[in-house]
């Protein structure tokens, strides 16, 4: 079960970030998300899974949103995944 699950829109960043423990790995996926949702993520301990909609936002912008919300603390390893 996820320690934390959040989604962000282009206009309003999510405010549900947990600061417990540093994230060690970020798994990045491209996905068609609901209208108005540009990025969603879930934390599982030291693993953070993040999906972004490439029709609305770039991967770099999605990672910046995570950093600004405090979801990325310390050094992280980014792993890219593709969705079918």
PDB file of N, CA and C in Angstrom:
ATOM      1  N   UNK A   1       0.845  -1.174   0.000  1.00  0.00           N
ATOM      2  CA  UNK A   1       0.000   0.000   0.000  1.00  0.00           C
ATOM      3  C   UNK A   1       0.898   1.247   0.000  1.00  0.00           C
ATOM      4  N   UNK A   2       0.458   2.256  -0.701  1.00  0.00           N
ATOM      5  CA  UNK A   2       1.229   3.494  -0.806  1.00  0.00           C
ATOM      6  C   UNK A   2       1.231   4.250   0.509  1.00  0.00           C
ATOM      7  N   UNK A   3       2.397   4.823   0.845  1.00  0.00           N
ATOM      8  CA  UNK A   3       2.511   5.708   1.997  1.00  0.00           C
ATOM      9  C   UNK A   3       1.835   7.028   1.696  1.00  0.00           C
ATOM     10  N   UNK A   4       1.757   7.381   0.416  1.00  0.00           N
ATOM     11  CA  UNK A   4       1.266   8.686   0.004  1.00  0.00           C
ATOM     12  C   UNK A   4       0.882   8.628  -1.468  1.00  0.00           C
ATOM     13  N   UNK A   5      -0.262   9.141  -1.807  1.00  0.00           N
ATOM     14  CA  UNK A   5      -0.680   9.218  -3.201  1.00  0.00           C
ATOM     15  C   UNK A   5      -1.201  10.624  -3.463  1.00  0.00           C
ATOM     16  N   UNK A   6      -0.737  11.256  -4.544  1.00  0.00           N
ATOM     17  CA  UNK A   6      -1.117  12.629  -4.846  1.00  0.00           C
ATOM     18  C   UNK A   6      -1.199  12.839  -6.346  1.00  0.00           C
ATOM     19  N   UNK A   7      -1.888  13.895  -6.715  1.00  0.00           N
ATOM     20  CA  UNK A   7      -1.953  14.312  -8.113  1.00  0.00           C
ATOM     21  C   UNK A   7      -1.866  15.824  -8.144  1.00  0.00           C
ATOM     22  N   UNK A   8      -1.366  16.353  -9.232  1.00  0.00           N
ATOM     23  CA  UNK A   8      -1.238  17.804  -9.361  1.00  0.00           C
ATOM     24  C   UNK A   8      -1.818  18.242 -10.691  1.00  0.00           C
ATOM     25  N   UNK A   9      -2.420  19.399 -10.675  1.00  0.00           N
ATOM     26  CA  UNK A   9      -2.904  20.010 -11.905  1.00  0.00           C
ATOM     27  C   UNK A   9      -1.937  21.110 -12.292  1.00  0.00           C
ATOM     28  N   UNK A  10      -2.102  21.632 -13.469  1.00  0.00           N
ATOM     29  CA  UNK A  10      -1.209  22.691 -13.932  1.00  0.00           C
ATOM     30  C   UNK A  10      -1.330  23.935 -13.057  1.00  0.00           C
ATOM     31  N   UNK A  11      -2.525  24.206 -12.537  1.00  0.00           N
ATOM     32  CA  UNK A  11      -2.757  25.429 -11.770  1.00  0.00           C
ATOM     33  C   UNK A  11      -2.539  25.269 -10.274  1.00  0.00           C
ATOM     34  N   UNK A  12      -2.809  24.100  -9.740  1.00  0.00           N
ATOM     35  CA  UNK A  12      -2.728  23.920  -8.287  1.00  0.00           C
ATOM     36  C   UNK A  12      -1.886  22.701  -7.950  1.00  0.00           C
ATOM     37  N   UNK A  13      -0.788  22.923  -7.286  1.00  0.00           N
ATOM     38  CA  UNK A  13       0.057  21.818  -6.859  1.00  0.00           C
ATOM     39  C   UNK A  13      -0.578  21.121  -5.670  1.00  0.00           C
ATOM     40  N   UNK A  14      -0.337  19.860  -5.577  1.00  0.00           N
ATOM     41  CA  UNK A  14      -0.848  19.073  -4.465  1.00  0.00           C
ATOM     42  C   UNK A  14      -0.150  19.503  -3.178  1.00  0.00           C
ATOM     43  N   UNK A  15      -0.847  19.394  -2.066  1.00  0.00           N
ATOM     44  CA  UNK A  15      -0.244  19.765  -0.788  1.00  0.00           C
ATOM     45  C   UNK A  15      -0.190  18.568   0.148  1.00  0.00           C
ATOM     46  N   UNK A  16      -0.138  17.366  -0.404  1.00  0.00           N
ATOM     47  CA  UNK A  16      -0.189  16.161   0.438  1.00  0.00           C
ATOM     48  C   UNK A  16       1.131  15.421   0.434  1.00  0.00           C
ATOM     49  N   UNK A  17       2.228  16.129   0.634  1.00  0.00           N
ATOM     50  CA  UNK A  17       3.549  15.533   0.604  1.00  0.00           C
ATOM     51  C   UNK A  17       3.993  15.151   2.004  1.00  0.00           C
ATOM     52  N   UNK A  18       4.436  13.919   2.152  1.00  0.00           N
ATOM     53  CA  UNK A  18       4.985  13.447   3.415  1.00  0.00           C
ATOM     54  C   UNK A  18       6.485  13.692   3.406  1.00  0.00           C
ATOM     55  N   UNK A  19       7.021  14.105   4.509  1.00  0.00           N
ATOM     56  CA  UNK A  19       8.461  14.357   4.578  1.00  0.00           C
ATOM     57  C   UNK A  19       9.187  13.241   5.318  1.00  0.00           C
ATOM     58  N   UNK A  20       8.514  12.140   5.585  1.00  0.00           N
ATOM     59  CA  UNK A  20       9.135  11.026   6.293  1.00  0.00           C
ATOM     60  C   UNK A  20      10.068  10.265   5.374  1.00  0.00           C
ATOM     61  N   UNK A  21      11.356  10.246   5.694  1.00  0.00           N
ATOM     62  CA  UNK A  21      12.338   9.478   4.939  1.00  0.00           C
ATOM     63  C   UNK A  21      12.632  10.054   3.577  1.00  0.00           C
ATOM     64  N   UNK A  22      13.858   9.838   3.130  1.00  0.00           N
ATOM     65  CA  UNK A  22      14.276  10.318   1.818  1.00  0.00           C
ATOM     66  C   UNK A  22      13.875   9.317   0.745  1.00  0.00           C
ATOM     67  N   UNK A  23      13.560   9.821  -0.421  1.00  0.00           N
ATOM     68  CA  UNK A  23      13.251   8.971  -1.563  1.00  0.00           C
ATOM     69  C   UNK A  23      14.569   8.548  -2.195  1.00  0.00           C
ATOM     70  N   UNK A  24      14.724   7.269  -2.488  1.00  0.00           N
ATOM     71  CA  UNK A  24      15.951   6.772  -3.097  1.00  0.00           C
ATOM     72  C   UNK A  24      15.801   6.574  -4.598  1.00  0.00           C
ATOM     73  N   UNK A  25      14.585   6.218  -5.048  1.00  0.00           N
ATOM     74  CA  UNK A  25      14.371   5.949  -6.463  1.00  0.00           C
ATOM     75  C   UNK A  25      13.054   6.559  -6.907  1.00  0.00           C
ATOM     76  N   UNK A  26      13.082   7.201  -8.078  1.00  0.00           N
ATOM     77  CA  UNK A  26      11.873   7.750  -8.686  1.00  0.00           C
ATOM     78  C   UNK A  26      11.645   6.990  -9.985  1.00  0.00           C
ATOM     79  N   UNK A  27      10.525   6.297 -10.091  1.00  0.00           N
ATOM     80  CA  UNK A  27      10.161   5.607 -11.331  1.00  0.00           C
ATOM     81  C   UNK A  27       9.243   6.524 -12.124  1.00  0.00           C
ATOM     82  N   UNK A  28       9.688   6.890 -13.317  1.00  0.00           N
ATOM     83  CA  UNK A  28       8.974   7.852 -14.151  1.00  0.00           C
ATOM     84  C   UNK A  28       8.225   7.113 -15.261  1.00  0.00           C
ATOM     85  N   UNK A  29       6.939   7.419 -15.408  1.00  0.00           N
ATOM     86  CA  UNK A  29       6.116   6.808 -16.440  1.00  0.00           C
ATOM     87  C   UNK A  29       5.343   7.891 -17.191  1.00  0.00           C
ATOM     88  N   UNK A  30       5.107   7.668 -18.464  1.00  0.00           N
ATOM     89  CA  UNK A  30       4.216   8.522 -19.248  1.00  0.00           C
ATOM     90  C   UNK A  30       2.850   7.850 -19.264  1.00  0.00           C
ATOM     91  N   UNK A  31       1.797   8.624 -19.059  1.00  0.00           N
ATOM     92  CA  UNK A  31       0.449   8.064 -19.041  1.00  0.00           C
ATOM     93  C   UNK A  31      -0.564   9.127 -19.431  1.00  0.00           C
ATOM     94  N   UNK A  32      -1.659   8.689 -20.016  1.00  0.00           N
ATOM     95  CA  UNK A  32      -2.779   9.589 -20.304  1.00  0.00           C
ATOM     96  C   UNK A  32      -3.564   9.735 -19.009  1.00  0.00           C
ATOM     97  N   UNK A  33      -3.471  10.892 -18.379  1.00  0.00           N
ATOM     98  CA  UNK A  33      -4.132  11.135 -17.100  1.00  0.00           C
ATOM     99  C   UNK A  33      -5.468  11.837 -17.311  1.00  0.00           C
ATOM    100  N   UNK A  34      -6.270  11.891 -16.266  1.00  0.00           N
ATOM    101  CA  UNK A  34      -7.569  12.562 -16.337  1.00  0.00           C
ATOM    102  C   UNK A  34      -7.411  14.016 -16.766  1.00  0.00           C
ATOM    103  N   UNK A  35      -8.433  14.553 -17.354  1.00  0.00           N
ATOM    104  CA  UNK A  35      -8.425  15.941 -17.804  1.00  0.00           C
ATOM    105  C   UNK A  35      -8.062  16.876 -16.649  1.00  0.00           C
ATOM    106  N   UNK A  36      -7.094  17.738 -16.878  1.00  0.00           N
ATOM    107  CA  UNK A  36      -6.671  18.691 -15.866  1.00  0.00           C
ATOM    108  C   UNK A  36      -5.586  18.182 -14.945  1.00  0.00           C
ATOM    109  N   UNK A  37      -5.345  16.876 -14.900  1.00  0.00           N
ATOM    110  CA  UNK A  37      -4.279  16.301 -14.066  1.00  0.00           C
ATOM    111  C   UNK A  37      -3.057  16.116 -14.943  1.00  0.00           C
ATOM    112  N   UNK A  38      -1.954  16.771 -14.580  1.00  0.00           N
ATOM    113  CA  UNK A  38      -0.751  16.703 -15.403  1.00  0.00           C
ATOM    114  C   UNK A  38       0.292  15.747 -14.839  1.00  0.00           C
ATOM    115  N   UNK A  39       0.188  15.443 -13.538  1.00  0.00           N
ATOM    116  CA  UNK A  39       1.163  14.582 -12.891  1.00  0.00           C
ATOM    117  C   UNK A  39       0.521  13.939 -11.676  1.00  0.00           C
ATOM    118  N   UNK A  40       0.873  12.676 -11.423  1.00  0.00           N
ATOM    119  CA  UNK A  40       0.398  11.977 -10.233  1.00  0.00           C
ATOM    120  C   UNK A  40       1.562  11.166  -9.679  1.00  0.00           C
ATOM    121  N   UNK A  41       1.598  11.000  -8.362  1.00  0.00           N
ATOM    122  CA  UNK A  41       2.670  10.187  -7.788  1.00  0.00           C
ATOM    123  C   UNK A  41       2.198   9.477  -6.537  1.00  0.00           C
ATOM    124  N   UNK A  42       2.919   8.414  -6.211  1.00  0.00           N
ATOM    125  CA  UNK A  42       2.648   7.645  -4.996  1.00  0.00           C
ATOM    126  C   UNK A  42       3.983   7.234  -4.394  1.00  0.00           C
ATOM    127  N   UNK A  43       4.093   7.359  -3.078  1.00  0.00           N
ATOM    128  CA  UNK A  43       5.310   6.937  -2.379  1.00  0.00           C
ATOM    129  C   UNK A  43       5.087   5.594  -1.729  1.00  0.00           C
ATOM    130  N   UNK A  44       6.082   4.737  -1.868  1.00  0.00           N
ATOM    131  CA  UNK A  44       6.118   3.426  -1.234  1.00  0.00           C
ATOM    132  C   UNK A  44       7.452   3.349  -0.494  1.00  0.00           C
ATOM    133  N   UNK A  45       7.495   3.871   0.707  1.00  0.00           N
ATOM    134  CA  UNK A  45       8.761   3.917   1.437  1.00  0.00           C
ATOM    135  C   UNK A  45       9.755   4.803   0.707  1.00  0.00           C
ATOM    136  N   UNK A  46      10.892   4.224   0.296  1.00  0.00           N
ATOM    137  CA  UNK A  46      11.931   4.990  -0.392  1.00  0.00           C
ATOM    138  C   UNK A  46      11.748   5.013  -1.913  1.00  0.00           C
ATOM    139  N   UNK A  47      10.671   4.409  -2.408  1.00  0.00           N
ATOM    140  CA  UNK A  47      10.349   4.409  -3.828  1.00  0.00           C
ATOM    141  C   UNK A  47       9.223   5.401  -4.093  1.00  0.00           C
ATOM    142  N   UNK A  48       9.382   6.216  -5.116  1.00  0.00           N
ATOM    143  CA  UNK A  48       8.330   7.137  -5.537  1.00  0.00           C
ATOM    144  C   UNK A  48       8.017   6.840  -6.992  1.00  0.00           C
ATOM    145  N   UNK A  49       6.755   6.506  -7.289  1.00  0.00           N
ATOM    146  CA  UNK A  49       6.312   6.304  -8.670  1.00  0.00           C
ATOM    147  C   UNK A  49       5.611   7.567  -9.126  1.00  0.00           C
ATOM    148  N   UNK A  50       6.046   8.100 -10.274  1.00  0.00           N
ATOM    149  CA  UNK A  50       5.475   9.330 -10.795  1.00  0.00           C
ATOM    150  C   UNK A  50       5.064   9.111 -12.236  1.00  0.00           C
ATOM    151  N   UNK A  51       3.834   9.517 -12.551  1.00  0.00           N
ATOM    152  CA  UNK A  51       3.351   9.481 -13.936  1.00  0.00           C
ATOM    153  C   UNK A  51       3.017  10.905 -14.351  1.00  0.00           C
ATOM    154  N   UNK A  52       3.356  11.233 -15.586  1.00  0.00           N
ATOM    155  CA  UNK A  52       3.011  12.551 -16.115  1.00  0.00           C
ATOM    156  C   UNK A  52       2.390  12.362 -17.487  1.00  0.00           C
ATOM    157  N   UNK A  53       1.555  13.316 -17.869  1.00  0.00           N
ATOM    158  CA  UNK A  53       0.892  13.269 -19.164  1.00  0.00           C
ATOM    159  C   UNK A  53       1.719  14.086 -20.149  1.00  0.00           C
ATOM    160  N   UNK A  54       2.389  13.430 -21.101  1.00  0.00           N
ATOM    161  CA  UNK A  54       3.264  14.166 -22.015  1.00  0.00           C
ATOM    162  C   UNK A  54       2.520  15.124 -22.943  1.00  0.00           C
ATOM    163  N   UNK A  55       1.193  15.002 -23.023  1.00  0.00           N
ATOM    164  CA  UNK A  55       0.420  15.965 -23.814  1.00  0.00           C
ATOM    165  C   UNK A  55       0.266  17.294 -23.081  1.00  0.00           C
ATOM    166  N   UNK A  56       0.510  17.292 -21.749  1.00  0.00           N
ATOM    167  CA  UNK A  56       0.300  18.492 -20.936  1.00  0.00           C
ATOM    168  C   UNK A  56       1.567  19.062 -20.305  1.00  0.00           C
ATOM    169  N   UNK A  57       2.576  18.238 -20.079  1.00  0.00           N
ATOM    170  CA  UNK A  57       3.738  18.678 -19.316  1.00  0.00           C
ATOM    171  C   UNK A  57       4.955  17.845 -19.730  1.00  0.00           C
ATOM    172  N   UNK A  58       6.147  18.408 -19.573  1.00  0.00           N
ATOM    173  CA  UNK A  58       7.364  17.653 -19.868  1.00  0.00           C
ATOM    174  C   UNK A  58       7.808  16.893 -18.625  1.00  0.00           C
ATOM    175  N   UNK A  59       8.653  15.910 -18.842  1.00  0.00           N
ATOM    176  CA  UNK A  59       9.197  15.156 -17.702  1.00  0.00           C
ATOM    177  C   UNK A  59       9.968  16.083 -16.760  1.00  0.00           C
ATOM    178  N   UNK A  60      10.733  16.979 -17.328  1.00  0.00           N
ATOM    179  CA  UNK A  60      11.509  17.911 -16.509  1.00  0.00           C
ATOM    180  C   UNK A  60      10.594  18.761 -15.629  1.00  0.00           C
ATOM    181  N   UNK A  61       9.494  19.257 -16.212  1.00  0.00           N
ATOM    182  CA  UNK A  61       8.548  20.060 -15.428  1.00  0.00           C
ATOM    183  C   UNK A  61       7.893  19.230 -14.323  1.00  0.00           C
ATOM    184  N   UNK A  62       7.584  17.971 -14.613  1.00  0.00           N
ATOM    185  CA  UNK A  62       6.985  17.096 -13.599  1.00  0.00           C
ATOM    186  C   UNK A  62       7.956  16.872 -12.438  1.00  0.00           C
ATOM    187  N   UNK A  63       9.235  16.660 -12.753  1.00  0.00           N
ATOM    188  CA  UNK A  63      10.229  16.476 -11.695  1.00  0.00           C
ATOM    189  C   UNK A  63      10.413  17.755 -10.882  1.00  0.00           C
ATOM    190  N   UNK A  64      10.348  18.906 -11.547  1.00  0.00           N
ATOM    191  CA  UNK A  64      10.433  20.181 -10.829  1.00  0.00           C
ATOM    192  C   UNK A  64       9.249  20.324  -9.871  1.00  0.00           C
ATOM    193  N   UNK A  65       8.047  19.938 -10.326  1.00  0.00           N
ATOM    194  CA  UNK A  65       6.865  20.001  -9.458  1.00  0.00           C
ATOM    195  C   UNK A  65       7.071  19.126  -8.210  1.00  0.00           C
ATOM    196  N   UNK A  66       7.630  17.938  -8.398  1.00  0.00           N
ATOM    197  CA  UNK A  66       7.901  17.060  -7.243  1.00  0.00           C
ATOM    198  C   UNK A  66       8.878  17.727  -6.283  1.00  0.00           C
ATOM    199  N   UNK A  67       9.932  18.318  -6.831  1.00  0.00           N
ATOM    200  CA  UNK A  67      10.952  18.984  -6.005  1.00  0.00           C
ATOM    201  C   UNK A  67      10.328  20.151  -5.248  1.00  0.00           C
ATOM    202  N   UNK A  68       9.529  20.970  -5.919  1.00  0.00           N
ATOM    203  CA  UNK A  68       8.922  22.139  -5.279  1.00  0.00           C
ATOM    204  C   UNK A  68       7.968  21.743  -4.159  1.00  0.00           C
ATOM    205  N   UNK A  69       7.348  20.589  -4.267  1.00  0.00           N
ATOM    206  CA  UNK A  69       6.420  20.119  -3.240  1.00  0.00           C
ATOM    207  C   UNK A  69       7.135  19.424  -2.084  1.00  0.00           C
ATOM    208  N   UNK A  70       8.423  19.243  -2.209  1.00  0.00           N
ATOM    209  CA  UNK A  70       9.178  18.589  -1.150  1.00  0.00           C
ATOM    210  C   UNK A  70       9.181  17.079  -1.247  1.00  0.00           C
ATOM    211  N   UNK A  71       8.702  16.529  -2.350  1.00  0.00           N
ATOM    212  CA  UNK A  71       8.639  15.073  -2.498  1.00  0.00           C
ATOM    213  C   UNK A  71       9.999  14.465  -2.821  1.00  0.00           C
ATOM    214  N   UNK A  72      10.935  15.271  -3.308  1.00  0.00           N
ATOM    215  CA  UNK A  72      12.268  14.780  -3.630  1.00  0.00           C
ATOM    216  C   UNK A  72      13.267  15.374  -2.656  1.00  0.00           C
ATOM    217  N   UNK A  73      13.610  14.618  -1.646  1.00  0.00           N
ATOM    218  CA  UNK A  73      14.579  15.081  -0.649  1.00  0.00           C
ATOM    219  C   UNK A  73      15.872  14.296  -0.826  1.00  0.00           C
ATOM    220  N   UNK A  74      16.968  15.004  -0.942  1.00  0.00           N
ATOM    221  CA  UNK A  74      18.254  14.344  -1.105  1.00  0.00           C
ATOM    222  C   UNK A  74      18.463  13.830  -2.518  1.00  0.00           C
ATOM    223  N   UNK A  75      19.469  12.979  -2.672  1.00  0.00           N
ATOM    224  CA  UNK A  75      19.801  12.434  -3.976  1.00  0.00           C
ATOM    225  C   UNK A  75      18.813  11.337  -4.355  1.00  0.00           C
ATOM    226  N   UNK A  76      18.467  11.284  -5.628  1.00  0.00           N
ATOM    227  CA  UNK A  76      17.545  10.274  -6.118  1.00  0.00           C
ATOM    228  C   UNK A  76      18.084   9.654  -7.392  1.00  0.00           C
ATOM    229  N   UNK A  77      17.607   8.474  -7.681  1.00  0.00           N
ATOM    230  CA  UNK A  77      17.921   7.764  -8.917  1.00  0.00           C
ATOM    231  C   UNK A  77      16.637   7.715  -9.726  1.00  0.00           C
ATOM    232  N   UNK A  78      16.651   8.243 -10.956  1.00  0.00           N
ATOM    233  CA  UNK A  78      15.449   8.287 -11.791  1.00  0.00           C
ATOM    234  C   UNK A  78      15.484   7.101 -12.746  1.00  0.00           C
ATOM    235  N   UNK A  79      14.383   6.331 -12.761  1.00  0.00           N
ATOM    236  CA  UNK A  79      14.241   5.164 -13.619  1.00  0.00           C
ATOM    237  C   UNK A  79      13.042   5.408 -14.525  1.00  0.00           C
ATOM    238  N   UNK A  80      13.212   5.218 -15.823  1.00  0.00           N
ATOM    239  CA  UNK A  80      12.115   5.450 -16.775  1.00  0.00           C
ATOM    240  C   UNK A  80      11.385   4.154 -17.062  1.00  0.00           C
ATOM    241  N   UNK A  81      10.069   4.238 -17.064  1.00  0.00           N
ATOM    242  CA  UNK A  81       9.209   3.101 -17.391  1.00  0.00           C
ATOM    243  C   UNK A  81       8.262   3.528 -18.502  1.00  0.00           C
ATOM    244  N   UNK A  82       7.877   2.582 -19.330  1.00  0.00           N
ATOM    245  CA  UNK A  82       6.875   2.879 -20.346  1.00  0.00           C
ATOM    246  C   UNK A  82       5.613   2.123 -20.004  1.00  0.00           C
ATOM    247  N   UNK A  83       4.479   2.697 -20.359  1.00  0.00           N
ATOM    248  CA  UNK A  83       3.193   2.046 -20.102  1.00  0.00           C
ATOM    249  C   UNK A  83       2.635   1.532 -21.423  1.00  0.00           C
ATOM    250  N   UNK A  84       1.926   0.455 -21.349  1.00  0.00           N
ATOM    251  CA  UNK A  84       1.355  -0.139 -22.554  1.00  0.00           C
ATOM    252  C   UNK A  84      -0.017   0.425 -22.834  1.00  0.00           C
TER     253      UNK A  84
END
